[in-house]
Amino acid sequence: MDTKTPLKEIKVRFGEVNIGNINLLKLLNDTTLAVKYGESFYRKMLTYNDYTALAYLNGLLVGAIACRVEPYEDDPKTLYILTFNVLKPYRKYKIGKELFFFCDFKVLN
């Protein structure tokens, strides 16, 4: 592919992590990350819903970001990224950037 060719605009839909789709997130993490997380990690992740998002393209889970907010020094709202991933075939569409901006916006507002 020519690197100067603009990428086709895609519509990504964001969704929340819940008990009904947590297994999809586990599968995504197992597929894209070198670290394998235990059940307690995913139970806790359900409580970080304000700063966690799943990215869907045409109904297919293609990426996710899981964050929590922690105080750091004098700043009461520091975003701590737990996991951040996009399936390899979809990385060229800037889905990761959209996921990060989604969480960053929530922290700032």
Protein backbone atom coordinates (compact mmCIF):
# COMPACT_ATOMS: atom_id res chain seq x y z
CA MET A 1 0.00 0.00 0.00
CA ASP A 2 1.27 3.44 -0.87
CA THR A 3 1.97 5.28 2.39
CA LYS A 4 0.81 8.56 0.85
CA THR A 5 -2.65 7.23 0.05
CA PRO A 6 -5.16 8.55 2.60
CA LEU A 7 -6.88 5.89 4.66
CA LYS A 8 -10.57 5.31 4.20
CA GLU A 9 -12.66 6.90 6.96
CA ILE A 10 -14.11 4.27 9.24
CA LYS A 11 -16.82 4.46 11.86
CA VAL A 12 -15.81 2.99 15.18
CA ARG A 13 -18.43 2.55 17.88
CA PHE A 14 -17.42 2.59 21.52
CA GLY A 15 -19.00 0.36 24.10
CA GLU A 16 -18.59 -0.25 27.79
CA VAL A 17 -17.18 -3.33 29.45
CA ASN A 18 -19.79 -5.34 31.28
CA ILE A 19 -20.37 -8.84 32.57
CA GLY A 20 -21.86 -9.83 29.19
CA ASN A 21 -18.80 -8.93 27.12
CA ILE A 22 -15.87 -9.27 29.53
CA ASN A 23 -14.93 -12.57 27.87
CA LEU A 24 -14.46 -10.73 24.56
CA LEU A 25 -12.05 -8.38 26.28
CA LYS A 26 -10.19 -11.35 27.78
CA LEU A 27 -9.87 -12.89 24.32
CA LEU A 28 -8.66 -9.60 22.82
CA ASN A 29 -6.07 -9.19 25.59
CA ASP A 30 -4.90 -12.79 25.25
CA THR A 31 -4.54 -12.29 21.49
CA THR A 32 -2.69 -8.97 21.55
CA LEU A 33 -0.79 -8.76 24.85
CA ALA A 34 2.15 -10.79 26.14
CA VAL A 35 0.79 -10.72 29.70
CA LYS A 36 -2.00 -13.06 30.77
CA TYR A 37 -4.29 -11.53 33.38
CA GLY A 38 -6.18 -13.50 36.00
CA GLU A 39 -9.86 -13.42 36.92
CA SER A 40 -9.34 -10.87 39.70
CA PHE A 41 -7.96 -8.38 37.16
CA TYR A 42 -11.13 -8.64 35.06
CA ARG A 43 -13.42 -8.42 38.09
CA LYS A 44 -11.70 -5.17 39.05
CA MET A 45 -11.89 -3.93 35.47
CA LEU A 46 -15.67 -4.01 35.68
CA THR A 47 -15.41 -1.29 38.34
CA TYR A 48 -13.28 0.99 36.11
CA ASN A 49 -16.08 1.46 33.60
CA ASP A 50 -15.83 5.27 33.48
CA TYR A 51 -12.40 5.07 31.84
CA THR A 52 -12.63 1.83 29.91
CA ALA A 53 -13.90 1.44 26.37
CA LEU A 54 -14.26 -1.25 23.74
CA ALA A 55 -13.94 -0.31 20.06
CA TYR A 56 -16.26 -2.05 17.60
CA LEU A 57 -16.12 -1.91 13.83
CA ASN A 58 -19.17 -3.41 12.12
CA GLY A 59 -20.00 -5.28 15.33
CA LEU A 60 -16.51 -6.80 15.68
CA LEU A 61 -14.40 -5.99 18.72
CA VAL A 62 -11.17 -4.56 17.27
CA GLY A 63 -9.66 -2.71 20.23
CA ALA A 64 -9.94 -1.70 23.84
CA ILE A 65 -8.51 0.59 26.45
CA ALA A 66 -8.80 0.04 30.18
CA CYS A 67 -7.78 2.81 32.55
CA ARG A 68 -8.32 3.99 36.07
CA VAL A 69 -7.78 7.35 37.68
CA GLU A 70 -5.31 7.61 40.53
CA PRO A 71 -3.97 10.59 42.43
CA TYR A 72 -0.32 11.35 41.69
CA GLU A 73 1.62 13.92 43.66
CA ASP A 74 -0.48 17.11 43.53
CA ASP A 75 -2.73 16.00 40.67
CA PRO A 76 -5.93 14.25 41.84
CA LYS A 77 -6.81 12.93 38.36
CA THR A 78 -3.94 11.03 36.78
CA LEU A 79 -4.97 8.52 34.12
CA TYR A 80 -3.30 5.15 34.59
CA ILE A 81 -3.54 2.89 31.53
CA LEU A 82 -3.97 -0.78 32.45
CA THR A 83 -4.35 -2.26 28.96
CA PHE A 84 -4.43 -0.68 25.52
CA ASN A 85 -4.71 -2.72 22.34
CA VAL A 86 -5.98 -2.87 18.78
CA LEU A 87 -6.00 -5.93 16.56
CA LYS A 88 -3.11 -5.71 14.10
CA PRO A 89 -5.15 -5.44 10.86
CA TYR A 90 -6.96 -2.37 12.26
CA ARG A 91 -4.01 -0.41 13.65
CA LYS A 92 -3.59 1.69 10.50
CA TYR A 93 -7.02 3.26 11.03
CA LYS A 94 -6.02 5.21 14.17
CA ILE A 95 -8.45 3.35 16.40
CA GLY A 96 -5.91 3.43 19.22
CA LYS A 97 -5.77 7.21 18.97
CA GLU A 98 -9.56 7.41 19.18
CA LEU A 99 -9.61 5.11 22.21
CA PHE A 100 -7.00 7.20 23.99
CA PHE A 101 -8.80 10.48 23.22
CA PHE A 102 -12.06 8.93 24.44
CA CYS A 103 -10.54 8.25 27.89
CA ASP A 104 -8.54 11.45 27.97
CA PHE A 105 -11.70 13.47 27.29
CA LYS A 106 -13.52 11.73 30.14
CA VAL A 107 -10.72 12.52 32.58
CA LEU A 108 -10.55 16.18 31.57
CA ASN A 109 -14.32 16.73 31.74
